[in-house]
């Protein structure tokens, strides 16, 4: 009898342990629905995400977009952690936050670990040089030699774009925690010869460093990139919820109003409405 009881106990424990071993982790969607909040990682990159260093208050295009998403989904938006472009994916995969609520470029390398939202708009990537440097004005391809250096943030999708466009040029990889200002500082201090960047990053730098850099490929961009928000990989239900909210906000004109609020309509190219052939 005693032996039978021991056998039964062992069998029950085995079933329990087997069930625990194969229990599925809670999905992002289920956690968000349970807590009523989306936890955001965010990147200081004006005018998309603006952080007031005096009081920590956050504003900007991406901030207002996310707050509108929260309003329409009846969810709180929690601005959980400031990160950098090169480190943003780590905190999301480690479950420190649910998504990166500052837009970025969707790079192939990042797609190994993350998904991306529907595009918010498009960036035109141009070559920026020092204002007094005329070496490449007549032929930007002259940058494509080992004698010339581009500066970029380590682990950022920008690096692959530079490699594709200027395969012979060298790349100065800054820390993954570096900012866009650090990238342009490397240019203006003559540690690099050029930077491949969109108008948002360059114009933000020019705000504090007037006349220091200029665009030598205006009207003929090197690359076009979709601006997206980074979403958790494999979380279809959560990601579709975010995408549906973004499309609603785009289609009813709310996103255009947010962009105009920050005087950023000229910095990027808007997404065409489904019935339009082209968008300005």
Protein backbone atom coordinates (compact mmCIF):
# COMPACT_ATOMS: atom_id res chain seq x y z
CA UNK A 1 0.00 0.00 0.00
CA UNK A 2 2.77 2.40 0.98
CA UNK A 3 4.60 1.61 -2.25
CA UNK A 4 1.47 2.38 -4.28
CA UNK A 5 1.06 5.76 -2.56
CA UNK A 6 4.67 6.66 -3.28
CA UNK A 7 4.24 5.66 -6.92
CA UNK A 8 1.09 7.80 -7.21
CA UNK A 9 2.81 10.83 -5.64
CA UNK A 10 5.78 10.49 -7.97
CA UNK A 11 3.45 10.21 -11.00
CA UNK A 12 1.53 13.36 -9.97
CA UNK A 13 4.77 15.27 -9.44
CA UNK A 14 5.99 14.13 -12.84
CA UNK A 15 2.83 15.39 -14.53
CA UNK A 16 3.11 18.76 -12.71
CA UNK A 17 6.77 19.17 -13.60
CA UNK A 18 6.10 18.20 -17.22
CA UNK A 19 3.29 20.76 -17.45
CA UNK A 20 5.49 23.49 -15.93
CA UNK A 21 8.31 22.73 -18.32
CA UNK A 22 6.10 23.22 -21.34
CA UNK A 23 4.08 26.16 -20.01
CA UNK A 24 4.11 29.05 -22.48
CA UNK A 25 5.40 32.45 -21.33
CA UNK A 26 2.82 35.21 -21.21
CA UNK A 27 2.48 37.00 -24.53
CA UNK A 28 3.05 40.74 -24.81
CA UNK A 29 -0.59 41.20 -25.82
CA UNK A 30 -1.88 39.31 -22.75
CA UNK A 31 0.43 41.20 -20.41
CA UNK A 32 -0.61 44.57 -21.85
CA UNK A 33 -4.29 43.69 -21.61
CA UNK A 34 -3.81 42.49 -18.04
CA UNK A 35 -1.95 45.61 -16.86
CA UNK A 36 -3.70 48.12 -19.12
CA UNK A 37 -0.36 49.68 -20.11
CA UNK A 38 2.22 49.66 -22.90
CA UNK A 39 5.78 50.05 -21.63
CA UNK A 40 7.91 52.19 -23.94
CA UNK A 41 11.60 52.36 -24.58
CA UNK A 42 12.41 55.70 -26.19
CA UNK A 43 15.27 57.52 -27.93
CA UNK A 44 16.09 61.22 -27.66
CA UNK A 45 15.95 62.37 -31.27
CA UNK A 46 14.31 65.72 -31.93
CA UNK A 47 11.66 66.50 -33.04
CA UNK A 48 10.50 62.87 -32.88
CA UNK A 49 11.19 62.33 -29.19
CA UNK A 50 12.12 65.41 -27.16
CA UNK A 51 13.30 65.04 -23.56
CA UNK A 52 13.40 68.06 -21.27
CA UNK A 53 16.56 67.46 -19.25
CA UNK A 54 15.39 69.84 -16.54
CA UNK A 55 12.21 67.98 -15.58
CA UNK A 56 12.31 64.76 -17.62
CA UNK A 57 9.14 65.66 -19.53
CA UNK A 58 8.78 63.97 -22.90
CA UNK A 59 7.18 65.45 -26.01
CA UNK A 60 7.59 65.23 -29.78
CA UNK A 61 6.00 63.55 -32.78
CA UNK A 62 6.47 59.98 -31.57
CA UNK A 63 5.36 60.87 -28.05
CA UNK A 64 2.13 62.41 -29.28
CA UNK A 65 1.53 59.52 -31.67
CA UNK A 66 1.94 56.95 -28.89
CA UNK A 67 -0.34 58.87 -26.53
CA UNK A 68 -2.97 58.94 -29.30
CA UNK A 69 -2.51 55.18 -29.78
CA UNK A 70 -3.02 54.68 -26.05
CA UNK A 71 -6.14 56.83 -26.11
CA UNK A 72 -7.70 54.88 -28.98
CA UNK A 73 -6.83 51.51 -27.47
CA UNK A 74 -7.87 52.56 -23.94
CA UNK A 75 -4.35 51.78 -22.68
CA UNK A 76 -1.85 53.79 -20.64
CA UNK A 77 1.50 54.64 -22.21
CA UNK A 78 4.36 54.26 -19.74
CA UNK A 79 7.62 55.92 -20.81
CA UNK A 80 9.80 53.35 -19.13
CA UNK A 81 13.41 53.75 -20.26
CA UNK A 82 15.57 56.00 -22.41
CA UNK A 83 17.81 54.02 -24.75
CA UNK A 84 20.04 54.60 -27.78
CA UNK A 85 19.63 53.52 -31.39
CA UNK A 86 22.33 50.90 -30.96
CA UNK A 87 20.95 49.45 -27.70
CA UNK A 88 17.19 49.75 -28.21
CA UNK A 89 16.67 46.15 -29.29
CA UNK A 90 18.39 44.69 -26.21
CA UNK A 91 15.94 46.09 -23.67
CA UNK A 92 12.97 44.89 -25.67
CA UNK A 93 14.26 41.35 -26.09
CA UNK A 94 15.08 41.33 -22.35
CA UNK A 95 11.45 42.33 -21.62
CA UNK A 96 12.37 45.66 -20.03
CA UNK A 97 9.73 47.33 -22.21
CA UNK A 98 7.13 46.19 -24.74
CA UNK A 99 8.19 48.20 -27.79
CA UNK A 100 10.46 51.04 -28.85
CA UNK A 101 8.18 54.07 -29.11
CA UNK A 102 10.62 56.25 -31.05
CA UNK A 103 10.76 55.67 -34.78
CA UNK A 104 13.85 54.32 -36.49
CA UNK A 105 14.85 52.70 -39.77
CA UNK A 106 13.89 49.09 -40.33
CA UNK A 107 17.17 47.33 -41.02
CA UNK A 108 17.56 43.74 -42.15
CA UNK A 109 19.92 42.92 -39.28
CA UNK A 110 17.39 44.10 -36.69
CA UNK A 111 14.70 41.94 -38.30
CA UNK A 112 16.48 38.84 -36.96
CA UNK A 113 15.30 39.77 -33.47
CA UNK A 114 12.41 42.19 -33.88
CA UNK A 115 9.38 43.12 -35.95
CA UNK A 116 8.45 46.59 -37.13
CA UNK A 117 5.33 48.68 -37.38
CA UNK A 118 3.73 49.84 -40.58
CA UNK A 119 5.77 52.83 -41.89
CA UNK A 120 4.99 56.22 -40.34
CA UNK A 121 6.71 58.08 -43.19
CA UNK A 122 9.92 57.91 -45.22
CA UNK A 123 13.40 59.35 -44.78
CA UNK A 124 15.65 60.47 -47.62
CA UNK A 125 19.26 59.70 -46.69
CA UNK A 126 21.81 62.15 -48.00
CA UNK A 127 25.56 62.63 -47.71
CA UNK A 128 26.52 65.45 -45.34
CA UNK A 129 30.01 66.96 -45.24
CA UNK A 130 31.68 69.88 -43.47
CA UNK A 131 30.49 73.22 -44.80
CA UNK A 132 33.95 74.17 -46.08
CA UNK A 133 34.75 70.78 -47.67
CA UNK A 134 34.25 70.90 -51.45
CA UNK A 135 36.19 67.76 -52.41
CA UNK A 136 33.10 65.71 -53.28
CA UNK A 137 30.77 68.36 -54.67
CA UNK A 138 31.09 67.30 -58.31
CA UNK A 139 31.29 63.55 -57.70
CA UNK A 140 30.08 61.98 -54.46
CA UNK A 141 31.52 58.64 -55.62
CA UNK A 142 34.96 60.03 -54.74
CA UNK A 143 34.09 59.12 -51.16
CA UNK A 144 34.18 55.45 -52.13
CA UNK A 145 37.83 54.81 -51.28
CA UNK A 146 39.67 53.52 -48.25
CA UNK A 147 41.10 57.02 -47.81
CA UNK A 148 37.72 58.36 -46.68
CA UNK A 149 35.74 57.75 -43.51
CA UNK A 150 32.04 57.83 -42.62
CA UNK A 151 30.99 58.12 -38.98
CA UNK A 152 28.03 56.08 -37.70
CA UNK A 153 26.61 54.58 -34.53
CA UNK A 154 27.74 51.01 -33.88
CA UNK A 155 25.01 48.35 -34.37
CA UNK A 156 22.82 50.88 -36.22
CA UNK A 157 21.22 50.02 -39.58
CA UNK A 158 22.98 53.08 -41.03
CA UNK A 159 26.24 51.11 -41.15
CA UNK A 160 24.87 48.59 -43.65
CA UNK A 161 23.50 51.40 -45.82
CA UNK A 162 26.94 53.05 -45.93
CA UNK A 163 28.55 49.70 -46.80
CA UNK A 164 26.10 49.18 -49.66
CA UNK A 165 26.52 52.68 -51.10
CA UNK A 166 30.25 53.17 -50.43
CA UNK A 167 31.75 49.68 -50.04
CA UNK A 168 35.38 50.83 -50.21
CA UNK A 169 35.04 53.63 -47.64
CA UNK A 170 35.97 53.05 -44.02
CA UNK A 171 33.43 53.44 -41.20
CA UNK A 172 34.16 54.93 -37.82
CA UNK A 173 31.81 52.98 -35.54
CA UNK A 174 30.90 55.02 -32.48
CA UNK A 175 29.59 53.49 -29.27
CA UNK A 176 26.15 51.89 -29.53
CA UNK A 177 25.11 54.45 -26.90
CA UNK A 178 26.25 57.41 -29.02
CA UNK A 179 23.82 60.04 -30.28
CA UNK A 180 23.31 61.55 -33.74
CA UNK A 181 25.07 64.66 -32.43
CA UNK A 182 28.11 62.51 -31.64
CA UNK A 183 28.07 61.24 -35.24
CA UNK A 184 28.12 64.78 -36.64
CA UNK A 185 30.69 65.92 -34.09
CA UNK A 186 33.06 63.32 -35.52
CA UNK A 187 32.51 64.97 -38.90
CA UNK A 188 33.00 68.58 -37.82
CA UNK A 189 36.13 67.72 -35.82
CA UNK A 190 37.60 66.08 -38.96
CA UNK A 191 37.67 62.56 -37.56
CA UNK A 192 35.35 61.60 -40.44
CA UNK A 193 34.83 62.90 -43.98
CA UNK A 194 31.09 62.35 -44.32
CA UNK A 195 27.86 61.25 -42.65
CA UNK A 196 24.90 59.51 -44.25
CA UNK A 197 21.80 60.85 -42.50
CA UNK A 198 18.28 62.17 -43.05
CA UNK A 199 17.17 65.77 -42.67
CA UNK A 200 15.79 65.23 -39.16
CA UNK A 201 19.15 64.35 -37.65
CA UNK A 202 21.11 66.90 -39.68
CA UNK A 203 18.74 69.81 -39.06
CA UNK A 204 18.68 69.03 -35.32
CA UNK A 205 22.49 69.25 -35.31
CA UNK A 206 22.42 72.50 -37.27
CA UNK A 207 20.15 74.06 -34.66
CA UNK A 208 23.13 74.21 -32.29
CA UNK A 209 25.93 74.25 -34.87
CA UNK A 210 24.71 76.66 -37.51
CA UNK A 211 26.48 76.58 -40.86
CA UNK A 212 28.73 73.68 -39.86
CA UNK A 213 27.56 71.00 -42.32
CA UNK A 214 25.84 70.80 -45.69
CA UNK A 215 24.03 68.29 -47.89
CA UNK A 216 25.86 67.41 -51.13
CA UNK A 217 23.28 64.95 -52.54
CA UNK A 218 20.14 67.06 -52.18
CA UNK A 219 17.59 66.00 -54.77
CA UNK A 220 19.44 62.72 -55.36
CA UNK A 221 19.33 60.81 -52.05
CA UNK A 222 21.60 57.81 -51.54
CA UNK A 223 18.83 55.74 -49.94
CA UNK A 224 15.17 55.86 -48.92
CA UNK A 225 14.21 54.33 -45.58
CA UNK A 226 10.89 53.63 -43.91
CA UNK A 227 10.53 55.15 -40.43
CA UNK A 228 8.98 52.55 -38.15
CA UNK A 229 8.61 51.62 -34.51
CA UNK A 230 10.37 48.50 -33.27
CA UNK A 231 7.98 45.80 -32.08
CA UNK A 232 8.63 42.47 -30.31
CA UNK A 233 9.43 39.59 -32.63
CA UNK A 234 6.78 36.93 -33.05
CA UNK A 235 4.06 38.85 -31.17
CA UNK A 236 1.50 38.93 -33.96
CA UNK A 237 -1.58 39.94 -31.94
CA UNK A 238 0.12 42.83 -30.14
CA UNK A 239 1.86 44.04 -33.29
CA UNK A 240 -1.35 43.99 -35.33
CA UNK A 241 -3.10 46.00 -32.62
CA UNK A 242 -0.41 48.69 -32.85
CA UNK A 243 -0.42 48.66 -36.65
CA UNK A 244 -4.20 49.02 -36.84
CA UNK A 245 -4.07 51.99 -34.48
CA UNK A 246 -1.30 53.65 -36.52
CA UNK A 247 -3.26 53.24 -39.76
CA UNK A 248 -6.36 54.76 -38.16
CA UNK A 249 -4.33 57.76 -37.03
CA UNK A 250 -2.76 58.16 -40.47
CA UNK A 251 -5.97 57.75 -42.46
CA UNK A 252 -8.04 60.26 -40.47
CA UNK A 253 -5.35 62.95 -40.75
CA UNK A 254 -4.35 62.99 -37.08
CA UNK A 255 -0.73 62.02 -37.79
CA UNK A 256 -0.32 64.85 -40.31
CA UNK A 257 -1.58 67.28 -37.66
CA UNK A 258 0.95 65.97 -35.15
CA UNK A 259 3.80 66.38 -37.65
CA UNK A 260 2.72 69.95 -38.48
CA UNK A 261 2.56 70.77 -34.77
CA UNK A 262 6.34 70.24 -34.62
CA UNK A 263 7.02 71.99 -37.96
CA UNK A 264 8.43 68.79 -39.40
CA UNK A 265 6.38 68.39 -42.57
CA UNK A 266 9.39 69.09 -44.83
CA UNK A 267 11.84 66.78 -43.06
CA UNK A 268 10.30 63.50 -44.22
CA UNK A 269 7.98 62.18 -46.92
CA UNK A 270 4.46 61.27 -45.84
CA UNK A 271 2.76 57.98 -46.66
CA UNK A 272 0.34 58.25 -49.57
CA UNK A 273 -3.31 57.54 -48.84
CA UNK A 274 -4.53 54.32 -50.53
CA UNK A 275 -6.35 56.26 -53.25
CA UNK A 276 -3.41 58.56 -54.03
CA UNK A 277 -0.79 57.81 -56.65
CA UNK A 278 1.85 59.93 -54.94
CA UNK A 279 2.37 61.76 -51.64
CA UNK A 280 4.39 64.89 -51.17
